């Protein structure tokens, strides 16, 4: 008990201390509760504020999410555009490379084109020069041919006279000089006498290189021969002798002018015609010829006349053919071949036999030469042309 009593103060002190502590605790608890309430209120206010802020932040987050979505889309577009840009850059680089190659090729082509143009110009100049040269040669050749024609025409009258004189001398035929022509007025160029008949050979040639008017001129001259034909002892068969190179423009070789006839002949025809006329002189008088002899004389003369005309016709035909061939050579042959042809042509020269004065052309020599040619034809197996020509008998005026 004592012991308990001894402990009582301690217990009371402990109880008092406990109560004090409890009091203090309650005080503190009450104070803390109020503080907590206040804090809680503050926390609630703060929570509301934070909630508002959180709501704002969420809104901002939504906005940022939307922007982020747009950003992703823009980013994807950017990536796509970058890819396209890269492809375009590659294409541009490729095009640039191709452009450089094309520029190089174009430069090469331009250089080649310039070379081709230069070569073409050189060739054109060469062709122009060659054309000019050929034209000059043709003009010179034409002028030379024309000069030769003019010289032939200017000398035609004298050549015909000399040829007739030579024929008359070789065949003992009387040649009548112009001053010995028995009739007044115009004097014919050449007159021979056979059986007391005067046979007239008038030489006619063109006045200029234009042959278009020559046939008309010849026709006029046939009418002018009336001044000779009107005389009694002038044979009514008169002859106009024209240059051989004018025969191509003449269509009519015989003119019947009523009282007389005119024959157009060339210089080459003079000898056979004069000799055929001379054949009549073998008879002392023409009226003593028998009908058969007359027919023979007429037949020979007719044959001479026909042969002469036929020879002229054939020469005209071949002359036209040769001219046509020459024209085709100038237009259809390649230029290089034509150039070589002209060179060979210029190198060639024909030398026909010259006619010498006082040297008679013998018939037997011509026959012998003809036989040699026939033998050559047989050796070469060249087919001979058979002439099927019949001659009509002509009545001769007595």
Protein backbone atom coordinates (compact mmCIF):
# COMPACT_ATOMS: atom_id res chain seq x y z
CA UNK A 1 0.00 0.00 0.00
CA UNK A 2 2.73 2.29 1.00
CA UNK A 3 4.40 1.45 -1.97
CA UNK A 4 1.24 2.32 -3.90
CA UNK A 5 0.94 5.51 -1.95
CA UNK A 6 4.49 6.29 -2.64
CA UNK A 7 3.76 5.91 -6.23
CA UNK A 8 0.58 7.93 -6.17
CA UNK A 9 2.24 11.26 -6.53
CA UNK A 10 4.03 9.97 -9.43
CA UNK A 11 0.80 8.60 -10.81
CA UNK A 12 -1.03 11.84 -10.18
CA UNK A 13 1.77 13.73 -11.79
CA UNK A 14 1.59 11.37 -14.64
CA UNK A 15 -2.19 11.81 -14.83
CA UNK A 16 -1.88 15.55 -14.66
CA UNK A 17 0.78 15.50 -17.26
CA UNK A 18 -1.37 13.21 -19.39
CA UNK A 19 -4.36 15.49 -18.99
CA UNK A 20 -2.25 18.46 -19.85
CA UNK A 21 -0.93 16.68 -22.82
CA UNK A 22 -4.42 15.66 -23.79
CA UNK A 23 -5.57 19.23 -23.37
CA UNK A 24 -2.71 20.43 -25.40
CA UNK A 25 -3.38 17.75 -27.93
CA UNK A 26 -7.05 18.69 -28.16
CA UNK A 27 -6.11 22.29 -28.49
CA UNK A 28 -3.67 21.47 -31.11
CA UNK A 29 -6.08 19.11 -32.78
CA UNK A 30 -8.75 21.78 -32.84
CA UNK A 31 -6.26 24.26 -34.11
CA UNK A 32 -4.99 21.80 -36.63
CA UNK A 33 -8.53 20.99 -37.79
CA UNK A 34 -9.26 24.59 -38.42
CA UNK A 35 -5.95 24.89 -40.16
CA UNK A 36 -6.71 21.81 -42.12
CA UNK A 37 -10.14 23.16 -43.01
CA UNK A 38 -8.59 26.36 -44.04
CA UNK A 39 -5.96 24.49 -45.93
CA UNK A 40 -8.66 22.27 -47.36
CA UNK A 41 -10.58 25.30 -48.48
CA UNK A 42 -7.44 26.69 -49.84
CA UNK A 43 -6.75 23.38 -51.49
CA UNK A 44 -10.26 23.29 -52.93
CA UNK A 45 -9.80 26.80 -54.28
CA UNK A 46 -6.44 25.83 -55.55
CA UNK A 47 -7.93 22.63 -56.98
CA UNK A 48 -10.59 24.62 -58.80
CA UNK A 49 -7.92 26.92 -60.11
CA UNK A 50 -5.80 23.95 -61.10
CA UNK A 51 -8.84 22.32 -62.64
CA UNK A 52 -9.41 25.45 -64.68
CA UNK A 53 -5.77 25.54 -65.55
CA UNK A 54 -5.91 21.81 -66.34
CA UNK A 55 -8.93 22.41 -68.54
CA UNK A 56 -7.03 25.20 -70.26
CA UNK A 57 -4.03 22.98 -70.61
CA UNK A 58 -6.18 20.18 -71.99
CA UNK A 59 -7.64 22.67 -74.43
CA UNK A 60 -4.16 23.78 -75.32
CA UNK A 61 -3.19 20.11 -75.63
CA UNK A 62 -6.12 19.56 -77.97
CA UNK A 63 -5.03 22.59 -79.93
CA UNK A 64 -1.48 21.31 -79.95
CA UNK A 65 -2.73 17.89 -80.99
CA UNK A 66 -4.65 19.47 -83.85
CA UNK A 67 -1.61 21.49 -84.77
CA UNK A 68 0.48 18.37 -84.41
CA UNK A 69 -1.90 16.58 -86.77
CA UNK A 70 -1.65 19.47 -89.20
CA UNK A 71 2.06 19.44 -88.69
CA UNK A 72 2.18 15.72 -89.46
CA UNK A 73 0.16 16.34 -92.60
CA UNK A 74 2.42 19.21 -93.53
CA UNK A 75 5.38 17.03 -92.70
CA UNK A 76 4.05 14.27 -94.93
CA UNK A 77 3.37 16.83 -97.64
CA UNK A 78 6.84 18.17 -97.11
CA UNK A 79 8.29 14.68 -97.42
CA UNK A 80 6.22 14.11 -100.57
CA UNK A 81 7.22 17.48 -101.99
CA UNK A 82 10.84 16.78 -101.11
CA UNK A 83 10.54 13.43 -102.89
CA UNK A 84 8.96 15.11 -105.92
CA UNK A 85 11.58 17.84 -105.78
CA UNK A 86 14.28 15.20 -105.69
CA UNK A 87 12.73 13.44 -108.70
CA UNK A 88 12.38 16.76 -110.51
CA UNK A 89 15.99 17.57 -109.65
CA UNK A 90 17.06 14.20 -111.02
CA UNK A 91 15.01 14.79 -114.17
CA UNK A 92 16.43 18.29 -114.47
CA UNK A 93 19.95 16.95 -114.09
CA UNK A 94 19.19 14.26 -116.63
CA UNK A 95 17.70 16.85 -118.99
CA UNK A 96 20.72 19.06 -118.47
CA UNK A 97 22.97 16.15 -119.34
CA UNK A 98 20.87 15.38 -122.42
CA UNK A 99 20.87 19.07 -123.32
CA UNK A 100 24.64 19.14 -123.07
CA UNK A 101 24.84 16.04 -125.25
CA UNK A 102 22.42 17.58 -127.72
CA UNK A 103 24.42 20.80 -127.75
CA UNK A 104 27.54 18.78 -128.44
CA UNK A 105 25.70 16.85 -131.17
CA UNK A 106 24.24 20.10 -132.51
CA UNK A 107 27.68 21.64 -132.64
CA UNK A 108 28.95 18.58 -134.49
CA UNK A 109 25.95 18.69 -136.83
CA UNK A 110 26.44 22.41 -137.41
CA UNK A 111 30.09 21.82 -138.26
CA UNK A 112 29.15 18.94 -140.57
CA UNK A 113 26.39 21.07 -142.09
CA UNK A 114 28.84 23.91 -142.66
CA UNK A 115 31.23 21.46 -144.30
CA UNK A 116 28.40 20.11 -146.47
CA UNK A 117 27.35 23.66 -147.38
CA UNK A 118 30.95 24.53 -148.24
CA UNK A 119 31.26 21.35 -150.32
CA UNK A 120 27.89 22.07 -151.94
CA UNK A 121 28.93 25.64 -152.70
CA UNK A 122 32.19 24.39 -154.15
CA UNK A 123 30.33 21.80 -156.21
CA UNK A 124 27.79 24.44 -157.27
CA UNK A 125 30.57 26.79 -158.31
CA UNK A 126 32.26 23.94 -160.16
CA UNK A 127 28.97 23.04 -161.87
CA UNK A 128 28.36 26.70 -162.74
CA UNK A 129 31.86 26.99 -164.15
CA UNK A 130 31.43 23.71 -166.05
CA UNK A 131 28.01 24.85 -167.27
CA UNK A 132 29.47 28.20 -168.31
CA UNK A 133 32.36 26.41 -170.01
CA UNK A 134 30.03 24.04 -171.84
CA UNK A 135 27.77 26.95 -172.78
CA UNK A 136 30.79 28.93 -173.94
CA UNK A 137 31.95 25.92 -175.95
CA UNK A 138 28.48 25.49 -177.42
CA UNK A 139 28.22 29.20 -178.18
CA UNK A 140 31.69 29.15 -179.70
CA UNK A 141 30.82 25.99 -181.60
CA UNK A 142 27.55 27.54 -182.73
CA UNK A 143 29.32 30.73 -183.73
CA UNK A 144 31.98 28.73 -185.52
CA UNK A 145 29.30 26.67 -187.26
CA UNK A 146 27.39 29.84 -188.13
CA UNK A 147 30.57 31.49 -189.38
CA UNK A 148 31.28 28.38 -191.43
CA UNK A 149 27.71 28.45 -192.80
CA UNK A 150 27.98 32.13 -193.65
CA UNK A 151 31.33 31.52 -195.32
CA UNK A 152 29.81 28.60 -197.23
CA UNK A 153 26.86 30.74 -198.27
CA UNK A 154 29.03 33.69 -199.22
CA UNK A 155 31.28 31.42 -201.30
CA UNK A 156 28.36 29.39 -202.62
CA UNK A 157 27.94 31.33 -205.86
CA UNK A 158 31.64 31.09 -206.71
CA UNK A 159 31.84 27.41 -205.69
CA UNK A 160 28.88 26.56 -207.93
CA UNK A 161 30.44 28.46 -210.81
CA UNK A 162 33.81 26.71 -210.38
CA UNK A 163 32.11 23.31 -210.09
CA UNK A 164 30.04 23.83 -213.25
CA UNK A 165 33.09 25.09 -215.13
CA UNK A 166 35.02 21.99 -214.09
CA UNK A 167 32.17 19.69 -215.16
CA UNK A 168 31.91 21.46 -218.49
CA UNK A 169 35.66 21.24 -219.03
CA UNK A 170 35.85 17.54 -218.16
CA UNK A 171 32.87 16.68 -220.36
CA UNK A 172 33.40 19.11 -223.25
CA UNK A 173 30.33 21.24 -222.59
CA UNK A 174 30.09 24.90 -223.55
CA UNK A 175 30.01 27.28 -220.58
CA UNK A 176 28.50 30.70 -221.39
CA UNK A 177 30.10 33.64 -219.65
CA UNK A 178 27.77 36.20 -218.10
CA UNK A 179 28.84 38.96 -220.48
CA UNK A 180 28.20 36.56 -223.38
CA UNK A 181 24.61 35.85 -222.41
CA UNK A 182 22.76 36.90 -225.59
CA UNK A 183 19.84 38.70 -223.99
CA UNK A 184 19.65 42.06 -222.30
CA UNK A 185 18.45 42.53 -218.73
CA UNK A 186 19.48 40.30 -215.89
CA UNK A 187 22.31 37.86 -216.35
CA UNK A 188 22.05 34.33 -214.85
CA UNK A 189 24.87 33.12 -212.62
CA UNK A 190 25.76 30.11 -214.79
CA UNK A 191 24.67 29.10 -218.28
CA UNK A 192 25.70 26.06 -220.30
CA UNK A 193 24.80 25.23 -223.89
CA UNK A 194 23.71 21.78 -225.07
CA UNK A 195 22.25 21.26 -228.56
CA UNK A 196 21.99 25.05 -229.03
CA UNK A 197 19.83 25.31 -225.94
CA UNK A 198 20.81 27.51 -223.01
CA UNK A 199 20.44 25.76 -219.67
CA UNK A 200 20.49 28.06 -216.64
CA UNK A 201 21.85 27.22 -213.18
CA UNK A 202 21.28 30.10 -210.76
CA UNK A 203 23.04 29.91 -207.38
CA UNK A 204 20.97 31.02 -204.38
CA UNK A 205 21.95 31.16 -200.72
CA UNK A 206 20.39 32.60 -197.52
CA UNK A 207 20.96 36.26 -196.72
CA UNK A 208 21.20 35.59 -192.95
CA UNK A 209 21.45 32.72 -190.48
CA UNK A 210 17.66 32.64 -190.12
CA UNK A 211 16.50 29.95 -192.56
CA UNK A 212 12.78 30.32 -191.82
CA UNK A 213 12.29 32.75 -194.70
CA UNK A 214 14.54 30.88 -197.13
CA UNK A 215 11.77 28.68 -198.68
CA UNK A 216 9.68 31.80 -199.33
CA UNK A 217 12.72 33.48 -200.90
CA UNK A 218 13.31 30.44 -203.14
CA UNK A 219 9.70 30.48 -204.29
CA UNK A 220 10.02 34.18 -205.18
CA UNK A 221 13.19 33.45 -207.14
CA UNK A 222 11.44 30.71 -209.14
CA UNK A 223 8.96 33.34 -210.34
CA UNK A 224 11.79 35.74 -211.21
CA UNK A 225 13.26 33.15 -213.60
CA UNK A 226 10.51 34.02 -216.05
CA UNK A 227 12.78 36.75 -217.49
CA UNK A 228 15.08 33.96 -218.75
CA UNK A 229 12.50 31.31 -219.63
CA UNK A 230 10.63 33.63 -222.02
CA UNK A 231 13.47 33.47 -224.55
CA UNK A 232 13.09 30.89 -227.30
CA UNK A 233 16.42 29.05 -227.03
CA UNK A 234 16.45 28.96 -223.22
CA UNK A 235 15.50 25.51 -221.99
CA UNK A 236 12.23 25.60 -220.06
CA UNK A 237 13.78 23.48 -217.30
CA UNK A 238 15.71 25.88 -215.05
CA UNK A 239 17.72 25.05 -211.94
CA UNK A 240 18.27 26.85 -208.66
CA UNK A 241 21.37 25.59 -206.86
CA UNK A 242 21.20 25.96 -203.04
CA UNK A 243 23.71 25.01 -200.29
CA UNK A 244 23.36 21.44 -199.01
CA UNK A 245 22.89 22.60 -195.41
CA UNK A 246 19.69 24.44 -196.36
CA UNK A 247 17.89 21.43 -197.85
CA UNK A 248 16.32 20.56 -194.49
CA UNK A 249 14.09 23.67 -194.57
CA UNK A 250 12.96 23.24 -198.17
CA UNK A 251 9.79 21.23 -198.71
CA UNK A 252 9.19 21.69 -202.44
CA UNK A 253 11.98 20.83 -204.84
CA UNK A 254 9.98 21.19 -208.06
CA UNK A 255 7.92 24.17 -209.22
CA UNK A 256 5.72 24.13 -212.31
CA UNK A 257 5.28 27.78 -213.29
CA UNK A 258 3.22 27.15 -216.40
CA UNK A 259 5.60 27.83 -219.31
CA UNK A 260 8.64 26.55 -217.47
CA UNK A 261 9.74 24.27 -214.63
CA UNK A 262 12.15 25.06 -211.82
CA UNK A 263 14.13 22.41 -209.95
CA UNK A 264 15.79 23.03 -206.58
CA UNK A 265 19.08 21.11 -206.41
CA UNK A 266 22.30 21.09 -204.42
CA UNK A 267 25.86 21.41 -205.64
CA UNK A 268 26.32 17.62 -205.33
CA UNK A 269 23.54 17.09 -207.88
CA UNK A 270 25.09 19.25 -210.60
CA UNK A 271 27.29 16.62 -212.23
CA UNK A 272 24.67 13.84 -212.67
CA UNK A 273 22.09 16.34 -213.94
CA UNK A 274 24.47 18.02 -216.41
CA UNK A 275 25.74 14.64 -217.62
CA UNK A 276 22.18 13.40 -218.11
CA UNK A 277 21.46 16.53 -220.17
CA UNK A 278 24.70 16.01 -222.10
CA UNK A 279 23.57 12.47 -223.00
CA UNK A 280 21.12 14.00 -225.47
CA UNK A 281 24.04 15.53 -227.37
CA UNK A 282 25.09 12.11 -228.59
CA UNK A 283 22.35 12.48 -231.18
CA UNK A 284 22.82 15.01 -233.92
CA UNK A 285 19.23 16.18 -233.85
CA UNK A 286 16.71 15.52 -231.14
CA UNK A 287 13.89 15.02 -233.64
CA UNK A 288 15.73 12.03 -235.14
CA UNK A 289 15.44 10.06 -231.91
CA UNK A 290 13.26 6.98 -232.14
CA UNK A 291 10.46 6.59 -229.55
CA UNK A 292 12.49 3.91 -227.79
CA UNK A 293 15.58 6.14 -227.71
CA UNK A 294 13.50 9.01 -226.39
CA UNK A 295 12.15 6.73 -223.65
CA UNK A 296 15.68 5.63 -222.77
CA UNK A 297 16.88 9.23 -222.53
CA UNK A 298 13.86 10.21 -220.45
CA UNK A 299 14.27 7.14 -218.27
CA UNK A 300 17.91 7.95 -217.55
CA UNK A 301 17.12 11.59 -216.81
CA UNK A 302 14.16 10.56 -214.67
CA UNK A 303 16.30 8.09 -212.77
CA UNK A 304 18.94 10.75 -212.20
CA UNK A 305 16.27 13.16 -210.99
CA UNK A 306 14.64 10.59 -208.71
CA UNK A 307 17.97 9.39 -207.34
CA UNK A 308 19.01 12.97 -206.68
CA UNK A 309 15.76 13.72 -204.84
CA UNK A 310 15.93 10.46 -202.94
CA UNK A 311 19.53 11.18 -201.93
CA UNK A 312 18.50 14.63 -200.71
CA UNK A 313 15.53 13.13 -198.82
CA UNK A 314 17.70 10.49 -197.13
CA UNK A 315 20.35 13.05 -196.24
CA UNK A 316 17.65 15.24 -194.70
CA UNK A 317 16.28 12.28 -192.73
CA UNK A 318 19.68 11.30 -191.34
CA UNK A 319 20.57 14.92 -190.69
CA UNK A 320 17.45 15.28 -188.50
CA UNK A 321 18.22 11.97 -186.76
CA UNK A 322 21.82 13.00 -186.09
CA UNK A 323 20.68 16.38 -184.76
CA UNK A 324 18.19 14.61 -182.47
CA UNK A 325 20.94 12.28 -181.20
CA UNK A 326 23.25 15.25 -180.56
CA UNK A 327 20.51 17.02 -178.59
CA UNK A 328 19.88 13.87 -176.52
CA UNK A 329 23.63 13.58 -175.84
CA UNK A 330 23.55 17.06 -174.33
CA UNK A 331 20.49 16.37 -172.15
CA UNK A 332 20.50 12.64 -171.30
CA UNK A 333 24.16 11.71 -170.89
CA UNK A 334 25.68 12.02 -167.37
CA UNK A 335 27.83 15.14 -167.07
CA UNK A 336 31.09 13.24 -166.56
CA UNK A 337 30.45 11.07 -169.63
CA UNK A 338 29.35 14.12 -171.63
CA UNK A 339 32.56 15.88 -170.62
CA UNK A 340 34.63 12.91 -171.85
CA UNK A 341 32.55 12.74 -175.03
CA UNK A 342 33.24 16.45 -175.72
CA UNK A 343 36.96 15.90 -175.12
CA UNK A 344 37.04 12.96 -177.54
CA UNK A 345 34.92 14.94 -179.99
CA UNK A 346 37.35 17.86 -179.90
CA UNK A 347 40.22 15.45 -180.51
CA UNK A 348 38.58 13.96 -183.60
CA UNK A 349 38.96 15.37 -187.10
CA UNK A 350 37.44 14.20 -190.37
CA UNK A 351 39.32 14.73 -193.60
CA UNK A 352 37.00 14.00 -196.54
CA UNK A 353 38.64 13.72 -199.95
CA UNK A 354 39.44 17.11 -201.44
CA UNK A 355 38.20 18.03 -204.86
CA UNK A 356 41.11 19.05 -207.01
CA UNK A 357 40.79 21.22 -210.03
CA UNK A 358 41.31 19.49 -213.41
CA UNK A 359 41.12 16.07 -211.76
CA UNK A 360 38.21 14.10 -213.17
CA UNK A 361 36.20 11.77 -210.94
CA UNK A 362 36.15 8.62 -213.04
CA UNK A 363 33.12 6.37 -213.03
CA UNK A 364 35.27 3.24 -213.15
CA UNK A 365 37.05 4.30 -209.95
CA UNK A 366 33.69 4.74 -208.23
CA UNK A 367 32.56 1.30 -209.49
CA UNK A 368 35.78 -0.29 -208.22
CA UNK A 369 35.36 1.37 -204.84
CA UNK A 370 31.74 0.15 -204.73
CA UNK A 371 32.90 -3.43 -205.39
CA UNK A 372 35.40 -3.19 -202.54
CA UNK A 373 32.68 -1.96 -200.21
CA UNK A 374 30.39 -4.82 -201.27
CA UNK A 375 33.13 -7.34 -200.53
CA UNK A 376 33.63 -5.74 -197.11
CA UNK A 377 29.87 -6.00 -196.48
CA UNK A 378 29.90 -9.70 -197.42
CA UNK A 379 32.89 -10.43 -195.18
CA UNK A 380 31.22 -8.73 -192.23
CA UNK A 381 27.90 -10.44 -193.05
CA UNK A 382 26.04 -7.13 -193.14
CA UNK A 383 22.61 -7.58 -194.76
CA UNK A 384 22.32 -5.64 -197.98
CA UNK A 385 19.32 -3.33 -198.41
CA UNK A 386 17.33 -4.20 -201.48
CA UNK A 387 16.01 -1.10 -203.22
CA UNK A 388 12.56 -1.76 -204.64
CA UNK A 389 12.07 1.38 -206.71
CA UNK A 390 10.10 1.61 -209.94
CA UNK A 391 10.31 4.59 -212.24
CA UNK A 392 7.37 5.94 -214.13
CA UNK A 393 7.80 6.80 -217.75
CA UNK A 394 7.42 10.49 -218.44
CA UNK A 395 6.32 12.07 -221.68
CA UNK A 396 8.83 14.42 -223.23
CA UNK A 397 7.65 17.49 -225.11
CA UNK A 398 8.93 17.58 -228.62
